[in-house]
């Protein structure tokens, strides 16, 4: 069986439904080879077998997670003393 190196365009085509930019981001999370000279602008390549293994590991059936109850917001406390120049709602009175 052939095991070619795949670039971001081939990975995006193999996975389907993603852009090459997204494929490049995903390639950083799997075993990959940098074919470029620097780390600043890497030219990443992935073996097809590593891609298939990585995809199989990501196939996880997620159980329904119980979400915590959301507490209702506390009622606002009205100020008892309004001070000079304030109305009953706490707004500044106009002259």
C-alpha atoms as a PDB file:
ATOM      1  CA  UNK A   1       0.000   0.000   0.000  1.00  0.00           C
ATOM      2  CA  UNK A   2       1.286   3.458  -0.877  1.00  0.00           C
ATOM      3  CA  UNK A   3       1.784   5.945   1.902  1.00  0.00           C
ATOM      4  CA  UNK A   4       2.356   9.324   0.222  1.00  0.00           C
ATOM      5  CA  UNK A   5       3.030  12.618   1.908  1.00  0.00           C
ATOM      6  CA  UNK A   6       0.015  14.921   1.688  1.00  0.00           C
ATOM      7  CA  UNK A   7       0.007  18.720   1.712  1.00  0.00           C
ATOM      8  CA  UNK A   8      -2.746  20.944   3.102  1.00  0.00           C
ATOM      9  CA  UNK A   9      -4.724  20.878  -0.161  1.00  0.00           C
ATOM     10  CA  UNK A  10      -4.771  17.084  -0.299  1.00  0.00           C
ATOM     11  CA  UNK A  11      -5.647  16.843   3.413  1.00  0.00           C
ATOM     12  CA  UNK A  12      -8.546  19.278   2.926  1.00  0.00           C
ATOM     13  CA  UNK A  13      -9.756  17.262  -0.067  1.00  0.00           C
ATOM     14  CA  UNK A  14      -9.457  13.975   1.850  1.00  0.00           C
ATOM     15  CA  UNK A  15     -11.340  15.244   4.913  1.00  0.00           C
ATOM     16  CA  UNK A  16     -13.844  17.183   2.814  1.00  0.00           C
ATOM     17  CA  UNK A  17     -15.788  20.286   3.748  1.00  0.00           C
ATOM     18  CA  UNK A  18     -12.831  22.277   5.102  1.00  0.00           C
ATOM     19  CA  UNK A  19     -10.531  24.885   3.608  1.00  0.00           C
ATOM     20  CA  UNK A  20      -6.799  24.363   3.103  1.00  0.00           C
ATOM     21  CA  UNK A  21      -6.181  26.949   5.841  1.00  0.00           C
ATOM     22  CA  UNK A  22      -8.214  24.865   8.303  1.00  0.00           C
ATOM     23  CA  UNK A  23      -6.380  21.755   7.154  1.00  0.00           C
ATOM     24  CA  UNK A  24      -3.032  23.455   7.872  1.00  0.00           C
ATOM     25  CA  UNK A  25      -4.212  24.270  11.410  1.00  0.00           C
ATOM     26  CA  UNK A  26      -5.304  20.663  11.926  1.00  0.00           C
ATOM     27  CA  UNK A  27      -2.012  19.341  10.569  1.00  0.00           C
ATOM     28  CA  UNK A  28      -0.188  21.066  13.432  1.00  0.00           C
ATOM     29  CA  UNK A  29      -2.088  18.835  15.885  1.00  0.00           C
ATOM     30  CA  UNK A  30      -1.121  15.554  14.188  1.00  0.00           C
ATOM     31  CA  UNK A  31       2.244  13.941  13.461  1.00  0.00           C
ATOM     32  CA  UNK A  32       3.639  15.984  10.587  1.00  0.00           C
ATOM     33  CA  UNK A  33       6.898  16.797   8.814  1.00  0.00           C
ATOM     34  CA  UNK A  34       8.149  20.302   8.089  1.00  0.00           C
ATOM     35  CA  UNK A  35       9.553  20.313   4.549  1.00  0.00           C
ATOM     36  CA  UNK A  36      10.477  24.005   4.750  1.00  0.00           C
ATOM     37  CA  UNK A  37      13.688  25.533   5.987  1.00  0.00           C
ATOM     38  CA  UNK A  38      12.252  27.492   8.892  1.00  0.00           C
ATOM     39  CA  UNK A  39       9.625  27.287  11.589  1.00  0.00           C
ATOM     40  CA  UNK A  40       8.320  30.755  10.721  1.00  0.00           C
ATOM     41  CA  UNK A  41       6.666  29.558   7.498  1.00  0.00           C
ATOM     42  CA  UNK A  42       6.463  25.785   7.727  1.00  0.00           C
ATOM     43  CA  UNK A  43       5.586  23.626   4.737  1.00  0.00           C
ATOM     44  CA  UNK A  44       3.872  20.788   6.561  1.00  0.00           C
ATOM     45  CA  UNK A  45       3.323  17.331   5.101  1.00  0.00           C
ATOM     46  CA  UNK A  46       1.460  14.391   6.625  1.00  0.00           C
ATOM     47  CA  UNK A  47       1.648  10.718   5.782  1.00  0.00           C
ATOM     48  CA  UNK A  48      -1.702   9.311   4.684  1.00  0.00           C
ATOM     49  CA  UNK A  49      -1.497   6.543   7.308  1.00  0.00           C
ATOM     50  CA  UNK A  50      -0.935   9.127  10.084  1.00  0.00           C
ATOM     51  CA  UNK A  51      -3.918  11.124   8.818  1.00  0.00           C
ATOM     52  CA  UNK A  52      -6.163   8.048   8.860  1.00  0.00           C
ATOM     53  CA  UNK A  53      -5.037   7.095  12.376  1.00  0.00           C
ATOM     54  CA  UNK A  54      -5.590  10.684  13.563  1.00  0.00           C
ATOM     55  CA  UNK A  55      -9.097  10.720  12.070  1.00  0.00           C
ATOM     56  CA  UNK A  56      -9.969   7.394  13.735  1.00  0.00           C
ATOM     57  CA  UNK A  57      -8.806   8.687  17.111  1.00  0.00           C
ATOM     58  CA  UNK A  58     -11.073  11.713  16.767  1.00  0.00           C
ATOM     59  CA  UNK A  59     -14.185   9.588  16.212  1.00  0.00           C
ATOM     60  CA  UNK A  60     -15.494   9.639  19.747  1.00  0.00           C
ATOM     61  CA  UNK A  61     -19.120   9.256  20.628  1.00  0.00           C
ATOM     62  CA  UNK A  62     -19.908  11.987  23.083  1.00  0.00           C
ATOM     63  CA  UNK A  63     -22.371  11.231  25.825  1.00  0.00           C
ATOM     64  CA  UNK A  64     -24.992  13.799  26.734  1.00  0.00           C
ATOM     65  CA  UNK A  65     -23.497  16.079  29.338  1.00  0.00           C
ATOM     66  CA  UNK A  66     -25.713  17.272  32.146  1.00  0.00           C
ATOM     67  CA  UNK A  67     -25.613  21.042  32.108  1.00  0.00           C
ATOM     68  CA  UNK A  68     -25.630  22.904  35.391  1.00  0.00           C
ATOM     69  CA  UNK A  69     -28.764  24.797  36.332  1.00  0.00           C
ATOM     70  CA  UNK A  70     -28.700  28.462  35.519  1.00  0.00           C
ATOM     71  CA  UNK A  71     -29.604  30.515  38.539  1.00  0.00           C
ATOM     72  CA  UNK A  72     -32.073  33.327  37.944  1.00  0.00           C
ATOM     73  CA  UNK A  73     -30.716  36.827  38.269  1.00  0.00           C
ATOM     74  CA  UNK A  74     -31.030  38.414  41.679  1.00  0.00           C
ATOM     75  CA  UNK A  75     -33.478  41.298  41.901  1.00  0.00           C
ATOM     76  CA  UNK A  76     -31.911  44.722  42.034  1.00  0.00           C
ATOM     77  CA  UNK A  77     -31.765  46.306  45.432  1.00  0.00           C
ATOM     78  CA  UNK A  78     -33.405  49.708  45.517  1.00  0.00           C
ATOM     79  CA  UNK A  79     -31.663  52.379  47.473  1.00  0.00           C
ATOM     80  CA  UNK A  80     -33.521  53.558  50.537  1.00  0.00           C
ATOM     81  CA  UNK A  81     -31.949  56.989  50.779  1.00  0.00           C
ATOM     82  CA  UNK A  82     -32.019  58.977  47.535  1.00  0.00           C
ATOM     83  CA  UNK A  83     -29.923  61.925  48.477  1.00  0.00           C
ATOM     84  CA  UNK A  84     -30.487  65.489  47.430  1.00  0.00           C
ATOM     85  CA  UNK A  85     -31.363  66.131  43.784  1.00  0.00           C
ATOM     86  CA  UNK A  86     -32.454  62.533  42.996  1.00  0.00           C
ATOM     87  CA  UNK A  87     -35.903  61.201  42.157  1.00  0.00           C
ATOM     88  CA  UNK A  88     -37.443  57.937  43.400  1.00  0.00           C
ATOM     89  CA  UNK A  89     -35.706  55.887  40.670  1.00  0.00           C
ATOM     90  CA  UNK A  90     -32.276  57.252  41.568  1.00  0.00           C
ATOM     91  CA  UNK A  91     -31.967  59.557  38.520  1.00  0.00           C
ATOM     92  CA  UNK A  92     -30.603  63.086  38.746  1.00  0.00           C
ATOM     93  CA  UNK A  93     -33.350  65.720  38.666  1.00  0.00           C
ATOM     94  CA  UNK A  94     -33.173  68.508  36.073  1.00  0.00           C
ATOM     95  CA  UNK A  95     -33.491  72.145  37.047  1.00  0.00           C
END
